[in-house]
Amino acid sequence: MAEAGKPVIWTKPQDLEFDGETLPELGGMFDGKFYAVTGDGSVIRFRANVPPVTLKLWIDPDDGRPLPKDPGFDKEPGR
């Protein structure tokens, strides 16, 4: 689950489309940074401008490839 770039009515959540190539628009409320929830329930804040290849690895965990050493987390103080 991730914070979409385009708002939706909270009572009508929508899926983000991902065709394996074109990334969905993410973030928007925090200068390009966005929050996402992982499969284990962890909430992560990602920084703006995470490389597309890194985001694709997060979106498709079943591809068998490991995340890079820099997974795209926002490392601002207090985060």
PDB file of N, CA and C in Angstrom:
ATOM      1  N   MET A   1       0.859  -1.148   0.000  1.00  0.00           N
ATOM      2  CA  MET A   1       0.000   0.000   0.000  1.00  0.00           C
ATOM      3  C   MET A   1       0.914   1.221   0.000  1.00  0.00           C
ATOM      4  N   ALA A   2       0.581   2.202  -0.823  1.00  0.00           N
ATOM      5  CA  ALA A   2       1.412   3.401  -0.929  1.00  0.00           C
ATOM      6  C   ALA A   2       0.546   4.638  -1.100  1.00  0.00           C
ATOM      7  N   GLU A   3       1.127   5.757  -0.746  1.00  0.00           N
ATOM      8  CA  GLU A   3       0.457   7.042  -0.883  1.00  0.00           C
ATOM      9  C   GLU A   3       0.496   7.463  -2.353  1.00  0.00           C
ATOM     10  N   ALA A   4      -0.668   7.556  -2.935  1.00  0.00           N
ATOM     11  CA  ALA A   4      -0.754   7.897  -4.353  1.00  0.00           C
ATOM     12  C   ALA A   4      -0.537   9.379  -4.585  1.00  0.00           C
ATOM     13  N   GLY A   5      -0.054   9.717  -5.767  1.00  0.00           N
ATOM     14  CA  GLY A   5       0.164  11.102  -6.131  1.00  0.00           C
ATOM     15  C   GLY A   5      -1.126  11.845  -6.402  1.00  0.00           C
ATOM     16  N   LYS A   6      -2.140  11.118  -6.858  1.00  0.00           N
ATOM     17  CA  LYS A   6      -3.439  11.730  -7.124  1.00  0.00           C
ATOM     18  C   LYS A   6      -4.392  11.302  -6.012  1.00  0.00           C
ATOM     19  N   PRO A   7      -5.052  12.265  -5.379  1.00  0.00           N
ATOM     20  CA  PRO A   7      -5.944  11.911  -4.271  1.00  0.00           C
ATOM     21  C   PRO A   7      -7.181  11.152  -4.747  1.00  0.00           C
ATOM     22  N   VAL A   8      -7.689  10.311  -3.855  1.00  0.00           N
ATOM     23  CA  VAL A   8      -8.946   9.600  -4.098  1.00  0.00           C
ATOM     24  C   VAL A   8      -9.820   9.801  -2.864  1.00  0.00           C
ATOM     25  N   ILE A   9     -11.096   9.612  -3.029  1.00  0.00           N
ATOM     26  CA  ILE A   9     -12.017   9.704  -1.901  1.00  0.00           C
ATOM     27  C   ILE A   9     -11.715   8.552  -0.961  1.00  0.00           C
ATOM     28  N   TRP A  10     -11.507   8.843   0.317  1.00  0.00           N
ATOM     29  CA  TRP A  10     -11.058   7.818   1.241  1.00  0.00           C
ATOM     30  C   TRP A  10     -12.061   6.676   1.397  1.00  0.00           C
ATOM     31  N   THR A  11     -13.330   6.927   1.113  1.00  0.00           N
ATOM     32  CA  THR A  11     -14.323   5.850   1.205  1.00  0.00           C
ATOM     33  C   THR A  11     -14.382   5.008  -0.067  1.00  0.00           C
ATOM     34  N   LYS A  12     -13.615   5.417  -1.080  1.00  0.00           N
ATOM     35  CA  LYS A  12     -13.561   4.682  -2.343  1.00  0.00           C
ATOM     36  C   LYS A  12     -12.103   4.482  -2.750  1.00  0.00           C
ATOM     37  N   PRO A  13     -11.329   3.730  -1.963  1.00  0.00           N
ATOM     38  CA  PRO A  13      -9.917   3.550  -2.330  1.00  0.00           C
ATOM     39  C   PRO A  13      -9.781   2.880  -3.692  1.00  0.00           C
ATOM     40  N   GLN A  14      -8.712   3.231  -4.389  1.00  0.00           N
ATOM     41  CA  GLN A  14      -8.465   2.683  -5.719  1.00  0.00           C
ATOM     42  C   GLN A  14      -7.086   2.035  -5.751  1.00  0.00           C
ATOM     43  N   ASP A  15      -6.945   1.045  -6.622  1.00  0.00           N
ATOM     44  CA  ASP A  15      -5.644   0.426  -6.822  1.00  0.00           C
ATOM     45  C   ASP A  15      -4.770   1.334  -7.670  1.00  0.00           C
ATOM     46  N   LEU A  16      -3.464   1.312  -7.381  1.00  0.00           N
ATOM     47  CA  LEU A  16      -2.498   1.978  -8.247  1.00  0.00           C
ATOM     48  C   LEU A  16      -2.170   1.015  -9.377  1.00  0.00           C
ATOM     49  N   GLU A  17      -2.246   1.488 -10.588  1.00  0.00           N
ATOM     50  CA  GLU A  17      -1.942   0.645 -11.742  1.00  0.00           C
ATOM     51  C   GLU A  17      -0.434   0.509 -11.912  1.00  0.00           C
ATOM     52  N   PHE A  18       0.050  -0.712 -12.118  1.00  0.00           N
ATOM     53  CA  PHE A  18       1.466  -0.948 -12.413  1.00  0.00           C
ATOM     54  C   PHE A  18       1.549  -2.084 -13.413  1.00  0.00           C
ATOM     55  N   ASP A  19       2.062  -1.778 -14.598  1.00  0.00           N
ATOM     56  CA  ASP A  19       2.145  -2.760 -15.673  1.00  0.00           C
ATOM     57  C   ASP A  19       3.497  -3.463 -15.733  1.00  0.00           C
ATOM     58  N   GLY A  20       4.338  -3.220 -14.740  1.00  0.00           N
ATOM     59  CA  GLY A  20       5.667  -3.812 -14.720  1.00  0.00           C
ATOM     60  C   GLY A  20       6.736  -2.895 -15.278  1.00  0.00           C
ATOM     61  N   GLU A  21       6.324  -1.832 -15.922  1.00  0.00           N
ATOM     62  CA  GLU A  21       7.264  -0.881 -16.518  1.00  0.00           C
ATOM     63  C   GLU A  21       7.012   0.558 -16.062  1.00  0.00           C
ATOM     64  N   THR A  22       5.794   1.049 -16.306  1.00  0.00           N
ATOM     65  CA  THR A  22       5.456   2.436 -16.003  1.00  0.00           C
ATOM     66  C   THR A  22       5.073   2.561 -14.533  1.00  0.00           C
ATOM     67  N   LEU A  23       5.834   3.366 -13.792  1.00  0.00           N
ATOM     68  CA  LEU A  23       5.558   3.526 -12.371  1.00  0.00           C
ATOM     69  C   LEU A  23       4.347   4.412 -12.142  1.00  0.00           C
ATOM     70  N   PRO A  24       3.537   4.076 -11.125  1.00  0.00           N
ATOM     71  CA  PRO A  24       2.429   4.973 -10.779  1.00  0.00           C
ATOM     72  C   PRO A  24       2.964   6.238 -10.130  1.00  0.00           C
ATOM     73  N   GLU A  25       2.181   7.301 -10.161  1.00  0.00           N
ATOM     74  CA  GLU A  25       2.572   8.540  -9.500  1.00  0.00           C
ATOM     75  C   GLU A  25       2.411   8.357  -8.002  1.00  0.00           C
ATOM     76  N   LEU A  26       3.481   8.614  -7.261  1.00  0.00           N
ATOM     77  CA  LEU A  26       3.473   8.436  -5.811  1.00  0.00           C
ATOM     78  C   LEU A  26       3.771   9.753  -5.116  1.00  0.00           C
ATOM     79  N   GLY A  27       3.299   9.890  -3.890  1.00  0.00           N
ATOM     80  CA  GLY A  27       3.581  11.093  -3.105  1.00  0.00           C
ATOM     81  C   GLY A  27       2.741  12.269  -3.523  1.00  0.00           C
ATOM     82  N   GLY A  28       3.194  13.429  -3.136  1.00  0.00           N
ATOM     83  CA  GLY A  28       2.482  14.635  -3.518  1.00  0.00           C
ATOM     84  C   GLY A  28       2.262  15.588  -2.367  1.00  0.00           C
ATOM     85  N   MET A  29       1.982  15.072  -1.186  1.00  0.00           N
ATOM     86  CA  MET A  29       1.708  15.947  -0.045  1.00  0.00           C
ATOM     87  C   MET A  29       2.975  16.398   0.673  1.00  0.00           C
ATOM     88  N   PHE A  30       4.078  15.722   0.471  1.00  0.00           N
ATOM     89  CA  PHE A  30       5.299  15.988   1.230  1.00  0.00           C
ATOM     90  C   PHE A  30       6.490  16.234   0.312  1.00  0.00           C
ATOM     91  N   ASP A  31       6.364  17.131  -0.637  1.00  0.00           N
ATOM     92  CA  ASP A  31       7.451  17.471  -1.559  1.00  0.00           C
ATOM     93  C   ASP A  31       8.037  16.247  -2.259  1.00  0.00           C
ATOM     94  N   GLY A  32       7.176  15.383  -2.726  1.00  0.00           N
ATOM     95  CA  GLY A  32       7.615  14.205  -3.461  1.00  0.00           C
ATOM     96  C   GLY A  32       7.908  12.998  -2.595  1.00  0.00           C
ATOM     97  N   LYS A  33       8.006  13.197  -1.293  1.00  0.00           N
ATOM     98  CA  LYS A  33       8.202  12.067  -0.392  1.00  0.00           C
ATOM     99  C   LYS A  33       6.860  11.373  -0.209  1.00  0.00           C
ATOM    100  N   PHE A  34       6.903  10.087   0.115  1.00  0.00           N
ATOM    101  CA  PHE A  34       5.643   9.369   0.297  1.00  0.00           C
ATOM    102  C   PHE A  34       5.814   8.246   1.303  1.00  0.00           C
ATOM    103  N   TYR A  35       4.682   7.862   1.883  1.00  0.00           N
ATOM    104  CA  TYR A  35       4.643   6.752   2.827  1.00  0.00           C
ATOM    105  C   TYR A  35       4.130   5.506   2.122  1.00  0.00           C
ATOM    106  N   ALA A  36       4.625   4.363   2.567  1.00  0.00           N
ATOM    107  CA  ALA A  36       4.148   3.082   2.059  1.00  0.00           C
ATOM    108  C   ALA A  36       4.122   2.086   3.207  1.00  0.00           C
ATOM    109  N   VAL A  37       3.248   1.104   3.096  1.00  0.00           N
ATOM    110  CA  VAL A  37       3.151   0.030   4.072  1.00  0.00           C
ATOM    111  C   VAL A  37       3.630  -1.240   3.391  1.00  0.00           C
ATOM    112  N   THR A  38       4.512  -1.973   4.050  1.00  0.00           N
ATOM    113  CA  THR A  38       5.046  -3.210   3.483  1.00  0.00           C
ATOM    114  C   THR A  38       4.192  -4.404   3.909  1.00  0.00           C
ATOM    115  N   GLY A  39       4.502  -5.546   3.369  1.00  0.00           N
ATOM    116  CA  GLY A  39       3.747  -6.759   3.665  1.00  0.00           C
ATOM    117  C   GLY A  39       3.770  -7.167   5.127  1.00  0.00           C
ATOM    118  N   ASP A  40       4.800  -6.765   5.862  1.00  0.00           N
ATOM    119  CA  ASP A  40       4.864  -7.118   7.286  1.00  0.00           C
ATOM    120  C   ASP A  40       4.233  -6.051   8.171  1.00  0.00           C
ATOM    121  N   GLY A  41       3.616  -5.030   7.560  1.00  0.00           N
ATOM    122  CA  GLY A  41       2.935  -3.992   8.315  1.00  0.00           C
ATOM    123  C   GLY A  41       3.798  -2.796   8.668  1.00  0.00           C
ATOM    124  N   SER A  42       5.062  -2.806   8.284  1.00  0.00           N
ATOM    125  CA  SER A  42       5.943  -1.671   8.554  1.00  0.00           C
ATOM    126  C   SER A  42       5.545  -0.479   7.690  1.00  0.00           C
ATOM    127  N   VAL A  43       5.626   0.714   8.260  1.00  0.00           N
ATOM    128  CA  VAL A  43       5.364   1.946   7.519  1.00  0.00           C
ATOM    129  C   VAL A  43       6.705   2.607   7.245  1.00  0.00           C
ATOM    130  N   ILE A  44       6.954   2.915   5.986  1.00  0.00           N
ATOM    131  CA  ILE A  44       8.232   3.486   5.561  1.00  0.00           C
ATOM    132  C   ILE A  44       7.964   4.809   4.848  1.00  0.00           C
ATOM    133  N   ARG A  45       8.782   5.806   5.157  1.00  0.00           N
ATOM    134  CA  ARG A  45       8.717   7.064   4.403  1.00  0.00           C
ATOM    135  C   ARG A  45       9.859   7.039   3.402  1.00  0.00           C
ATOM    136  N   PHE A  46       9.501   7.175   2.131  1.00  0.00           N
ATOM    137  CA  PHE A  46      10.492   7.202   1.066  1.00  0.00           C
ATOM    138  C   PHE A  46      10.823   8.641   0.717  1.00  0.00           C
ATOM    139  N   ARG A  47      12.059   8.876   0.344  1.00  0.00           N
ATOM    140  CA  ARG A  47      12.469  10.219  -0.051  1.00  0.00           C
ATOM    141  C   ARG A  47      11.994  10.503  -1.480  1.00  0.00           C
ATOM    142  N   ALA A  48      12.053  11.760  -1.841  1.00  0.00           N
ATOM    143  CA  ALA A  48      11.721  12.155  -3.210  1.00  0.00           C
ATOM    144  C   ALA A  48      12.809  11.630  -4.147  1.00  0.00           C
ATOM    145  N   ASN A  49      12.437  11.367  -5.358  1.00  0.00           N
ATOM    146  CA  ASN A  49      13.373  10.962  -6.413  1.00  0.00           C
ATOM    147  C   ASN A  49      14.077   9.630  -6.147  1.00  0.00           C
ATOM    148  N   VAL A  50      13.363   8.665  -5.595  1.00  0.00           N
ATOM    149  CA  VAL A  50      13.912   7.314  -5.490  1.00  0.00           C
ATOM    150  C   VAL A  50      14.064   6.794  -6.923  1.00  0.00           C
ATOM    151  N   PRO A  51      15.203   6.180  -7.261  1.00  0.00           N
ATOM    152  CA  PRO A  51      15.373   5.689  -8.629  1.00  0.00           C
ATOM    153  C   PRO A  51      14.243   4.731  -9.039  1.00  0.00           C
ATOM    154  N   PRO A  52      13.742   4.866 -10.256  1.00  0.00           N
ATOM    155  CA  PRO A  52      12.657   3.995 -10.711  1.00  0.00           C
ATOM    156  C   PRO A  52      12.967   2.509 -10.555  1.00  0.00           C
ATOM    157  N   VAL A  53      14.197   2.102 -10.798  1.00  0.00           N
ATOM    158  CA  VAL A  53      14.534   0.685 -10.673  1.00  0.00           C
ATOM    159  C   VAL A  53      14.335   0.208  -9.236  1.00  0.00           C
ATOM    160  N   THR A  54      14.611   1.066  -8.253  1.00  0.00           N
ATOM    161  CA  THR A  54      14.415   0.706  -6.852  1.00  0.00           C
ATOM    162  C   THR A  54      12.930   0.575  -6.534  1.00  0.00           C
ATOM    163  N   LEU A  55      12.120   1.515  -7.003  1.00  0.00           N
ATOM    164  CA  LEU A  55      10.677   1.430  -6.761  1.00  0.00           C
ATOM    165  C   LEU A  55      10.080   0.185  -7.399  1.00  0.00           C
ATOM    166  N   LYS A  56      10.542  -0.180  -8.577  1.00  0.00           N
ATOM    167  CA  LYS A  56      10.034  -1.394  -9.229  1.00  0.00           C
ATOM    168  C   LYS A  56      10.345  -2.630  -8.398  1.00  0.00           C
ATOM    169  N   LEU A  57      11.507  -2.647  -7.750  1.00  0.00           N
ATOM    170  CA  LEU A  57      11.850  -3.778  -6.884  1.00  0.00           C
ATOM    171  C   LEU A  57      10.932  -3.842  -5.664  1.00  0.00           C
ATOM    172  N   TRP A  58      10.558  -2.704  -5.123  1.00  0.00           N
ATOM    173  CA  TRP A  58       9.627  -2.674  -3.993  1.00  0.00           C
ATOM    174  C   TRP A  58       8.233  -3.116  -4.418  1.00  0.00           C
ATOM    175  N   ILE A  59       7.798  -2.705  -5.591  1.00  0.00           N
ATOM    176  CA  ILE A  59       6.445  -3.011  -6.052  1.00  0.00           C
ATOM    177  C   ILE A  59       6.304  -4.482  -6.419  1.00  0.00           C
ATOM    178  N   ASP A  60       7.315  -5.081  -7.004  1.00  0.00           N
ATOM    179  CA  ASP A  60       7.238  -6.475  -7.453  1.00  0.00           C
ATOM    180  C   ASP A  60       8.240  -7.332  -6.690  1.00  0.00           C
ATOM    181  N   PRO A  61       7.913  -7.713  -5.447  1.00  0.00           N
ATOM    182  CA  PRO A  61       8.869  -8.470  -4.642  1.00  0.00           C
ATOM    183  C   PRO A  61       9.075  -9.896  -5.119  1.00  0.00           C
ATOM    184  N   ASP A  62       8.238 -10.379  -6.013  1.00  0.00           N
ATOM    185  CA  ASP A  62       8.332 -11.759  -6.472  1.00  0.00           C
ATOM    186  C   ASP A  62       9.264 -11.921  -7.667  1.00  0.00           C
ATOM    187  N   ASP A  63      10.040 -10.881  -7.989  1.00  0.00           N
ATOM    188  CA  ASP A  63      10.932 -10.976  -9.145  1.00  0.00           C
ATOM    189  C   ASP A  63      12.242 -11.682  -8.803  1.00  0.00           C
ATOM    190  N   GLY A  64      12.482 -11.950  -7.509  1.00  0.00           N
ATOM    191  CA  GLY A  64      13.678 -12.680  -7.100  1.00  0.00           C
ATOM    192  C   GLY A  64      14.930 -11.836  -6.969  1.00  0.00           C
ATOM    193  N   ARG A  65      14.832 -10.542  -7.196  1.00  0.00           N
ATOM    194  CA  ARG A  65      16.004  -9.668  -7.113  1.00  0.00           C
ATOM    195  C   ARG A  65      16.025  -8.970  -5.756  1.00  0.00           C
ATOM    196  N   PRO A  66      17.192  -8.836  -5.147  1.00  0.00           N
ATOM    197  CA  PRO A  66      17.282  -8.155  -3.847  1.00  0.00           C
ATOM    198  C   PRO A  66      17.193  -6.644  -4.010  1.00  0.00           C
ATOM    199  N   LEU A  67      16.805  -5.970  -2.918  1.00  0.00           N
ATOM    200  CA  LEU A  67      16.812  -4.512  -2.916  1.00  0.00           C
ATOM    201  C   LEU A  67      18.248  -4.014  -2.931  1.00  0.00           C
ATOM    202  N   PRO A  68      18.500  -2.835  -3.491  1.00  0.00           N
ATOM    203  CA  PRO A  68      19.858  -2.284  -3.486  1.00  0.00           C
ATOM    204  C   PRO A  68      20.259  -1.848  -2.074  1.00  0.00           C
ATOM    205  N   LYS A  69      21.545  -1.527  -1.899  1.00  0.00           N
ATOM    206  CA  LYS A  69      22.032  -1.070  -0.600  1.00  0.00           C
ATOM    207  C   LYS A  69      21.312   0.195  -0.157  1.00  0.00           C
ATOM    208  N   ASP A  70      20.924   1.036  -1.094  1.00  0.00           N
ATOM    209  CA  ASP A  70      20.143   2.233  -0.796  1.00  0.00           C
ATOM    210  C   ASP A  70      18.697   1.954  -1.205  1.00  0.00           C
ATOM    211  N   PRO A  71      17.834   1.577  -0.238  1.00  0.00           N
ATOM    212  CA  PRO A  71      16.452   1.212  -0.592  1.00  0.00           C
ATOM    213  C   PRO A  71      15.514   2.386  -0.807  1.00  0.00           C
ATOM    214  N   GLY A  72      16.004   3.636  -0.648  1.00  0.00           N
ATOM    215  CA  GLY A  72      15.180   4.801  -0.932  1.00  0.00           C
ATOM    216  C   GLY A  72      14.500   5.416   0.268  1.00  0.00           C
ATOM    217  N   PHE A  73      14.860   4.996   1.475  1.00  0.00           N
ATOM    218  CA  PHE A  73      14.220   5.534   2.679  1.00  0.00           C
ATOM    219  C   PHE A  73      14.584   7.003   2.888  1.00  0.00           C
ATOM    220  N   ASP A  74      13.646   7.753   3.474  1.00  0.00           N
ATOM    221  CA  ASP A  74      13.901   9.138   3.847  1.00  0.00           C
ATOM    222  C   ASP A  74      14.652   9.126   5.169  1.00  0.00           C
ATOM    223  N   LYS A  75      15.828   9.716   5.194  1.00  0.00           N
ATOM    224  CA  LYS A  75      16.665   9.684   6.389  1.00  0.00           C
ATOM    225  C   LYS A  75      16.722  11.021   7.105  1.00  0.00           C
ATOM    226  N   GLU A  76      15.631  11.810   6.974  1.00  0.00           N
ATOM    227  CA  GLU A  76      15.567  13.070   7.706  1.00  0.00           C
ATOM    228  C   GLU A  76      15.578  12.782   9.200  1.00  0.00           C
ATOM    229  N   PRO A  77      16.143  13.675   9.988  1.00  0.00           N
ATOM    230  CA  PRO A  77      16.119  13.481  11.439  1.00  0.00           C
ATOM    231  C   PRO A  77      14.689  13.298  11.941  1.00  0.00           C
ATOM    232  N   GLY A  78      14.521  12.341  12.833  1.00  0.00           N
ATOM    233  CA  GLY A  78      13.215  12.087  13.408  1.00  0.00           C
ATOM    234  C   GLY A  78      12.340  11.199  12.569  1.00  0.00           C
ATOM    235  N   ARG A  79      12.830  10.638  11.496  1.00  0.00           N
ATOM    236  CA  ARG A  79      12.038   9.755  10.624  1.00  0.00           C
ATOM    237  C   ARG A  79      12.524   8.341  10.737  1.00  0.00           C
TER     238      ARG A  79
END
